[in-house]
Amino acid sequence: MLTMTQVKNIKKLYYSKGKKVNEIVKVTGHNYRTVIKYLEKADFNQSLGKQEGDKRGRPKKIEPV
């Protein structure tokens, strides 16, 4: 996961400076898919993965009392 400073830098290079994704990859050293992901993502408040309250892992053998 990138910091907001890194994301802002990627967006600035793409939108303000007109750099292509391949050029941004070379400059920043991030993966191509990572750069694409953060360019397409508009709302950073959405959670990734499972939603809160979802159970993870194996089911318990004994239910709590």
PDB file of N, CA and C in Angstrom:
ATOM      1  N   MET A   1       0.846  -1.167   0.000  1.00  0.00           N
ATOM      2  CA  MET A   1       0.000   0.000   0.000  1.00  0.00           C
ATOM      3  C   MET A   1       0.899   1.241   0.000  1.00  0.00           C
ATOM      4  N   LEU A   2       0.542   2.190  -0.827  1.00  0.00           N
ATOM      5  CA  LEU A   2       1.343   3.400  -0.956  1.00  0.00           C
ATOM      6  C   LEU A   2       0.856   4.480   0.005  1.00  0.00           C
ATOM      7  N   THR A   3       1.758   5.397   0.331  1.00  0.00           N
ATOM      8  CA  THR A   3       1.369   6.536   1.155  1.00  0.00           C
ATOM      9  C   THR A   3       0.623   7.538   0.274  1.00  0.00           C
ATOM     10  N   MET A   4      -0.091   8.432   0.905  1.00  0.00           N
ATOM     11  CA  MET A   4      -0.836   9.441   0.153  1.00  0.00           C
ATOM     12  C   MET A   4       0.107  10.346  -0.641  1.00  0.00           C
ATOM     13  N   THR A   5       1.297  10.594  -0.130  1.00  0.00           N
ATOM     14  CA  THR A   5       2.280  11.404  -0.852  1.00  0.00           C
ATOM     15  C   THR A   5       2.681  10.718  -2.154  1.00  0.00           C
ATOM     16  N   GLN A   6       2.898   9.401  -2.095  1.00  0.00           N
ATOM     17  CA  GLN A   6       3.258   8.653  -3.294  1.00  0.00           C
ATOM     18  C   GLN A   6       2.111   8.644  -4.303  1.00  0.00           C
ATOM     19  N   VAL A   7       0.887   8.491  -3.811  1.00  0.00           N
ATOM     20  CA  VAL A   7      -0.285   8.485  -4.693  1.00  0.00           C
ATOM     21  C   VAL A   7      -0.449   9.847  -5.355  1.00  0.00           C
ATOM     22  N   LYS A   8      -0.286  10.910  -4.585  1.00  0.00           N
ATOM     23  CA  LYS A   8      -0.398  12.263  -5.144  1.00  0.00           C
ATOM     24  C   LYS A   8       0.676  12.505  -6.199  1.00  0.00           C
ATOM     25  N   ASN A   9       1.877  11.984  -5.959  1.00  0.00           N
ATOM     26  CA  ASN A   9       2.964  12.125  -6.919  1.00  0.00           C
ATOM     27  C   ASN A   9       2.622  11.405  -8.226  1.00  0.00           C
ATOM     28  N   ILE A  10       2.072  10.196  -8.130  1.00  0.00           N
ATOM     29  CA  ILE A  10       1.675   9.440  -9.319  1.00  0.00           C
ATOM     30  C   ILE A  10       0.603  10.198 -10.093  1.00  0.00           C
ATOM     31  N   LYS A  11      -0.403  10.700  -9.380  1.00  0.00           N
ATOM     32  CA  LYS A  11      -1.492  11.431 -10.041  1.00  0.00           C
ATOM     33  C   LYS A  11      -0.987  12.727 -10.672  1.00  0.00           C
ATOM     34  N   LYS A  12      -0.054  13.410  -9.994  1.00  0.00           N
ATOM     35  CA  LYS A  12       0.507  14.646 -10.536  1.00  0.00           C
ATOM     36  C   LYS A  12       1.287  14.363 -11.818  1.00  0.00           C
ATOM     37  N   LEU A  13       2.091  13.305 -11.799  1.00  0.00           N
ATOM     38  CA  LEU A  13       2.857  12.957 -12.990  1.00  0.00           C
ATOM     39  C   LEU A  13       1.941  12.621 -14.164  1.00  0.00           C
ATOM     40  N   TYR A  14       0.848  11.950 -13.886  1.00  0.00           N
ATOM     41  CA  TYR A  14      -0.054  11.517 -14.954  1.00  0.00           C
ATOM     42  C   TYR A  14      -0.934  12.653 -15.463  1.00  0.00           C
ATOM     43  N   TYR A  15      -1.597  13.345 -14.550  1.00  0.00           N
ATOM     44  CA  TYR A  15      -2.582  14.352 -14.962  1.00  0.00           C
ATOM     45  C   TYR A  15      -1.959  15.717 -15.264  1.00  0.00           C
ATOM     46  N   SER A  16      -1.017  16.172 -14.454  1.00  0.00           N
ATOM     47  CA  SER A  16      -0.447  17.509 -14.651  1.00  0.00           C
ATOM     48  C   SER A  16       0.704  17.511 -15.648  1.00  0.00           C
ATOM     49  N   LYS A  17       1.600  16.544 -15.498  1.00  0.00           N
ATOM     50  CA  LYS A  17       2.793  16.525 -16.344  1.00  0.00           C
ATOM     51  C   LYS A  17       2.577  15.760 -17.651  1.00  0.00           C
ATOM     52  N   GLY A  18       1.479  14.986 -17.739  1.00  0.00           N
ATOM     53  CA  GLY A  18       1.175  14.264 -18.971  1.00  0.00           C
ATOM     54  C   GLY A  18       2.045  13.051 -19.223  1.00  0.00           C
ATOM     55  N   LYS A  19       2.618  12.484 -18.168  1.00  0.00           N
ATOM     56  CA  LYS A  19       3.471  11.304 -18.322  1.00  0.00           C
ATOM     57  C   LYS A  19       2.622  10.071 -18.602  1.00  0.00           C
ATOM     58  N   LYS A  20       3.175   9.125 -19.363  1.00  0.00           N
ATOM     59  CA  LYS A  20       2.508   7.858 -19.610  1.00  0.00           C
ATOM     60  C   LYS A  20       2.761   6.934 -18.425  1.00  0.00           C
ATOM     61  N   VAL A  21       1.933   5.904 -18.314  1.00  0.00           N
ATOM     62  CA  VAL A  21       2.042   4.980 -17.183  1.00  0.00           C
ATOM     63  C   VAL A  21       3.420   4.322 -17.161  1.00  0.00           C
ATOM     64  N   ASN A  22       3.928   3.922 -18.319  1.00  0.00           N
ATOM     65  CA  ASN A  22       5.254   3.295 -18.362  1.00  0.00           C
ATOM     66  C   ASN A  22       6.348   4.234 -17.860  1.00  0.00           C
ATOM     67  N   GLU A  23       6.235   5.510 -18.154  1.00  0.00           N
ATOM     68  CA  GLU A  23       7.214   6.486 -17.673  1.00  0.00           C
ATOM     69  C   GLU A  23       7.120   6.644 -16.158  1.00  0.00           C
ATOM     70  N   ILE A  24       5.894   6.637 -15.630  1.00  0.00           N
ATOM     71  CA  ILE A  24       5.695   6.752 -14.181  1.00  0.00           C
ATOM     72  C   ILE A  24       6.285   5.542 -13.477  1.00  0.00           C
ATOM     73  N   VAL A  25       6.122   4.355 -14.072  1.00  0.00           N
ATOM     74  CA  VAL A  25       6.681   3.126 -13.494  1.00  0.00           C
ATOM     75  C   VAL A  25       8.197   3.238 -13.394  1.00  0.00           C
ATOM     76  N   LYS A  26       8.830   3.746 -14.435  1.00  0.00           N
ATOM     77  CA  LYS A  26      10.291   3.883 -14.427  1.00  0.00           C
ATOM     78  C   LYS A  26      10.758   4.907 -13.397  1.00  0.00           C
ATOM     79  N   VAL A  27      10.032   6.016 -13.281  1.00  0.00           N
ATOM     80  CA  VAL A  27      10.428   7.086 -12.362  1.00  0.00           C
ATOM     81  C   VAL A  27      10.229   6.669 -10.905  1.00  0.00           C
ATOM     82  N   THR A  28       9.067   6.078 -10.608  1.00  0.00           N
ATOM     83  CA  THR A  28       8.732   5.768  -9.217  1.00  0.00           C
ATOM     84  C   THR A  28       9.243   4.410  -8.755  1.00  0.00           C
ATOM     85  N   GLY A  29       9.408   3.473  -9.687  1.00  0.00           N
ATOM     86  CA  GLY A  29       9.848   2.132  -9.310  1.00  0.00           C
ATOM     87  C   GLY A  29       8.720   1.231  -8.842  1.00  0.00           C
ATOM     88  N   HIS A  30       7.472   1.689  -8.974  1.00  0.00           N
ATOM     89  CA  HIS A  30       6.324   0.878  -8.574  1.00  0.00           C
ATOM     90  C   HIS A  30       5.902  -0.027  -9.729  1.00  0.00           C
ATOM     91  N   ASN A  31       5.170  -1.077  -9.403  1.00  0.00           N
ATOM     92  CA  ASN A  31       4.663  -2.013 -10.387  1.00  0.00           C
ATOM     93  C   ASN A  31       3.642  -1.326 -11.294  1.00  0.00           C
ATOM     94  N   TYR A  32       3.564  -1.790 -12.545  1.00  0.00           N
ATOM     95  CA  TYR A  32       2.628  -1.229 -13.523  1.00  0.00           C
ATOM     96  C   TYR A  32       1.196  -1.310 -13.018  1.00  0.00           C
ATOM     97  N   ARG A  33       0.810  -2.461 -12.485  1.00  0.00           N
ATOM     98  CA  ARG A  33      -0.561  -2.644 -12.000  1.00  0.00           C
ATOM     99  C   ARG A  33      -0.857  -1.752 -10.796  1.00  0.00           C
ATOM    100  N   THR A  34       0.148  -1.523  -9.966  1.00  0.00           N
ATOM    101  CA  THR A  34      -0.034  -0.651  -8.807  1.00  0.00           C
ATOM    102  C   THR A  34      -0.325   0.775  -9.259  1.00  0.00           C
ATOM    103  N   VAL A  35       0.420   1.245 -10.232  1.00  0.00           N
ATOM    104  CA  VAL A  35       0.211   2.602 -10.747  1.00  0.00           C
ATOM    105  C   VAL A  35      -1.184   2.722 -11.349  1.00  0.00           C
ATOM    106  N   ILE A  36      -1.593   1.739 -12.138  1.00  0.00           N
ATOM    107  CA  ILE A  36      -2.930   1.747 -12.737  1.00  0.00           C
ATOM    108  C   ILE A  36      -3.995   1.760 -11.647  1.00  0.00           C
ATOM    109  N   LYS A  37      -3.807   0.928 -10.615  1.00  0.00           N
ATOM    110  CA  LYS A  37      -4.792   0.825  -9.533  1.00  0.00           C
ATOM    111  C   LYS A  37      -5.015   2.174  -8.863  1.00  0.00           C
ATOM    112  N   TYR A  38      -3.933   2.883  -8.561  1.00  0.00           N
ATOM    113  CA  TYR A  38      -4.073   4.154  -7.857  1.00  0.00           C
ATOM    114  C   TYR A  38      -4.527   5.285  -8.777  1.00  0.00           C
ATOM    115  N   LEU A  39      -4.298   5.171 -10.065  1.00  0.00           N
ATOM    116  CA  LEU A  39      -4.835   6.170 -10.991  1.00  0.00           C
ATOM    117  C   LEU A  39      -6.340   6.007 -11.150  1.00  0.00           C
ATOM    118  N   GLU A  40      -6.827   4.767 -11.104  1.00  0.00           N
ATOM    119  CA  GLU A  40      -8.258   4.510 -11.262  1.00  0.00           C
ATOM    120  C   GLU A  40      -9.038   4.728  -9.977  1.00  0.00           C
ATOM    121  N   LYS A  41      -8.375   4.635  -8.827  1.00  0.00           N
ATOM    122  CA  LYS A  41      -9.067   4.727  -7.544  1.00  0.00           C
ATOM    123  C   LYS A  41      -9.358   6.190  -7.225  1.00  0.00           C
ATOM    124  N   ALA A  42     -10.633   6.480  -6.985  1.00  0.00           N
ATOM    125  CA  ALA A  42     -11.036   7.850  -6.681  1.00  0.00           C
ATOM    126  C   ALA A  42     -11.297   8.044  -5.195  1.00  0.00           C
ATOM    127  N   ASP A  43     -11.909   7.051  -4.550  1.00  0.00           N
ATOM    128  CA  ASP A  43     -12.274   7.162  -3.140  1.00  0.00           C
ATOM    129  C   ASP A  43     -11.378   6.244  -2.318  1.00  0.00           C
ATOM    130  N   PHE A  44     -10.529   6.824  -1.494  1.00  0.00           N
ATOM    131  CA  PHE A  44      -9.602   6.033  -0.688  1.00  0.00           C
ATOM    132  C   PHE A  44     -10.202   5.631   0.648  1.00  0.00           C
ATOM    133  N   ASN A  45     -11.467   5.971   0.900  1.00  0.00           N
ATOM    134  CA  ASN A  45     -12.117   5.585   2.141  1.00  0.00           C
ATOM    135  C   ASN A  45     -12.792   4.228   2.041  1.00  0.00           C
ATOM    136  N   GLN A  46     -12.917   3.683   0.839  1.00  0.00           N
ATOM    137  CA  GLN A  46     -13.495   2.360   0.685  1.00  0.00           C
ATOM    138  C   GLN A  46     -12.511   1.329   1.206  1.00  0.00           C
ATOM    139  N   SER A  47     -13.047   0.361   1.943  1.00  0.00           N
ATOM    140  CA  SER A  47     -12.165  -0.660   2.493  1.00  0.00           C
ATOM    141  C   SER A  47     -11.842  -1.686   1.424  1.00  0.00           C
ATOM    142  N   LEU A  48     -10.664  -2.264   1.526  1.00  0.00           N
ATOM    143  CA  LEU A  48     -10.253  -3.310   0.619  1.00  0.00           C
ATOM    144  C   LEU A  48     -10.464  -4.650   1.300  1.00  0.00           C
ATOM    145  N   GLY A  49     -10.852  -5.637   0.544  1.00  0.00           N
ATOM    146  CA  GLY A  49     -11.008  -6.967   1.118  1.00  0.00           C
ATOM    147  C   GLY A  49     -12.337  -7.136   1.801  1.00  0.00           C
ATOM    148  N   LYS A  50     -12.327  -7.886   2.893  1.00  0.00           N
ATOM    149  CA  LYS A  50     -13.562  -8.212   3.598  1.00  0.00           C
ATOM    150  C   LYS A  50     -14.089  -7.008   4.365  1.00  0.00           C
ATOM    151  N   GLN A  51     -15.399  -6.973   4.498  1.00  0.00           N
ATOM    152  CA  GLN A  51     -16.046  -5.906   5.245  1.00  0.00           C
ATOM    153  C   GLN A  51     -15.937  -6.173   6.736  1.00  0.00           C
ATOM    154  N   GLU A  52     -16.095  -5.123   7.513  1.00  0.00           N
ATOM    155  CA  GLU A  52     -16.034  -5.247   8.962  1.00  0.00           C
ATOM    156  C   GLU A  52     -17.155  -6.161   9.436  1.00  0.00           C
ATOM    157  N   GLY A  53     -16.839  -7.071  10.335  1.00  0.00           N
ATOM    158  CA  GLY A  53     -17.832  -8.000  10.853  1.00  0.00           C
ATOM    159  C   GLY A  53     -17.772  -9.360  10.180  1.00  0.00           C
ATOM    160  N   ASP A  54     -17.083  -9.461   9.050  1.00  0.00           N
ATOM    161  CA  ASP A  54     -16.934 -10.757   8.401  1.00  0.00           C
ATOM    162  C   ASP A  54     -16.010 -11.630   9.228  1.00  0.00           C
ATOM    163  N   LYS A  55     -16.339 -12.901   9.309  1.00  0.00           N
ATOM    164  CA  LYS A  55     -15.504 -13.825  10.070  1.00  0.00           C
ATOM    165  C   LYS A  55     -14.380 -14.320   9.180  1.00  0.00           C
ATOM    166  N   ARG A  56     -13.225 -14.445   9.752  1.00  0.00           N
ATOM    167  CA  ARG A  56     -12.068 -14.939   9.021  1.00  0.00           C
ATOM    168  C   ARG A  56     -11.616 -16.255   9.620  1.00  0.00           C
ATOM    169  N   GLY A  57     -10.966 -17.037   8.817  1.00  0.00           N
ATOM    170  CA  GLY A  57     -10.361 -18.259   9.309  1.00  0.00           C
ATOM    171  C   GLY A  57     -11.352 -19.388   9.490  1.00  0.00           C
ATOM    172  N   ARG A  58     -10.927 -20.348  10.251  1.00  0.00           N
ATOM    173  CA  ARG A  58     -11.724 -21.541  10.483  1.00  0.00           C
ATOM    174  C   ARG A  58     -12.854 -21.262  11.461  1.00  0.00           C
ATOM    175  N   PRO A  59     -13.952 -21.998  11.320  1.00  0.00           N
ATOM    176  CA  PRO A  59     -15.030 -21.855  12.310  1.00  0.00           C
ATOM    177  C   PRO A  59     -14.600 -22.447  13.649  1.00  0.00           C
ATOM    178  N   LYS A  60     -15.150 -21.934  14.718  1.00  0.00           N
ATOM    179  CA  LYS A  60     -14.792 -22.416  16.052  1.00  0.00           C
ATOM    180  C   LYS A  60     -15.458 -23.756  16.318  1.00  0.00           C
ATOM    181  N   LYS A  61     -14.758 -24.607  17.063  1.00  0.00           N
ATOM    182  CA  LYS A  61     -15.309 -25.910  17.412  1.00  0.00           C
ATOM    183  C   LYS A  61     -16.425 -25.768  18.431  1.00  0.00           C
ATOM    184  N   ILE A  62     -16.235 -24.874  19.380  1.00  0.00           N
ATOM    185  CA  ILE A  62     -17.224 -24.665  20.429  1.00  0.00           C
ATOM    186  C   ILE A  62     -17.664 -23.214  20.373  1.00  0.00           C
ATOM    187  N   GLU A  63     -18.960 -22.999  20.340  1.00  0.00           N
ATOM    188  CA  GLU A  63     -19.498 -21.648  20.332  1.00  0.00           C
ATOM    189  C   GLU A  63     -19.347 -21.020  21.712  1.00  0.00           C
ATOM    190  N   PRO A  64     -19.101 -19.707  21.789  1.00  0.00           N
ATOM    191  CA  PRO A  64     -18.996 -19.058  23.098  1.00  0.00           C
ATOM    192  C   PRO A  64     -20.339 -19.092  23.826  1.00  0.00           C
ATOM    193  N   VAL A  65     -20.269 -19.137  25.139  1.00  0.00           N
ATOM    194  CA  VAL A  65     -21.480 -19.240  25.963  1.00  0.00           C
ATOM    195  C   VAL A  65     -22.076 -17.881  26.183  1.00  0.00           C
TER     196      VAL A  65
END
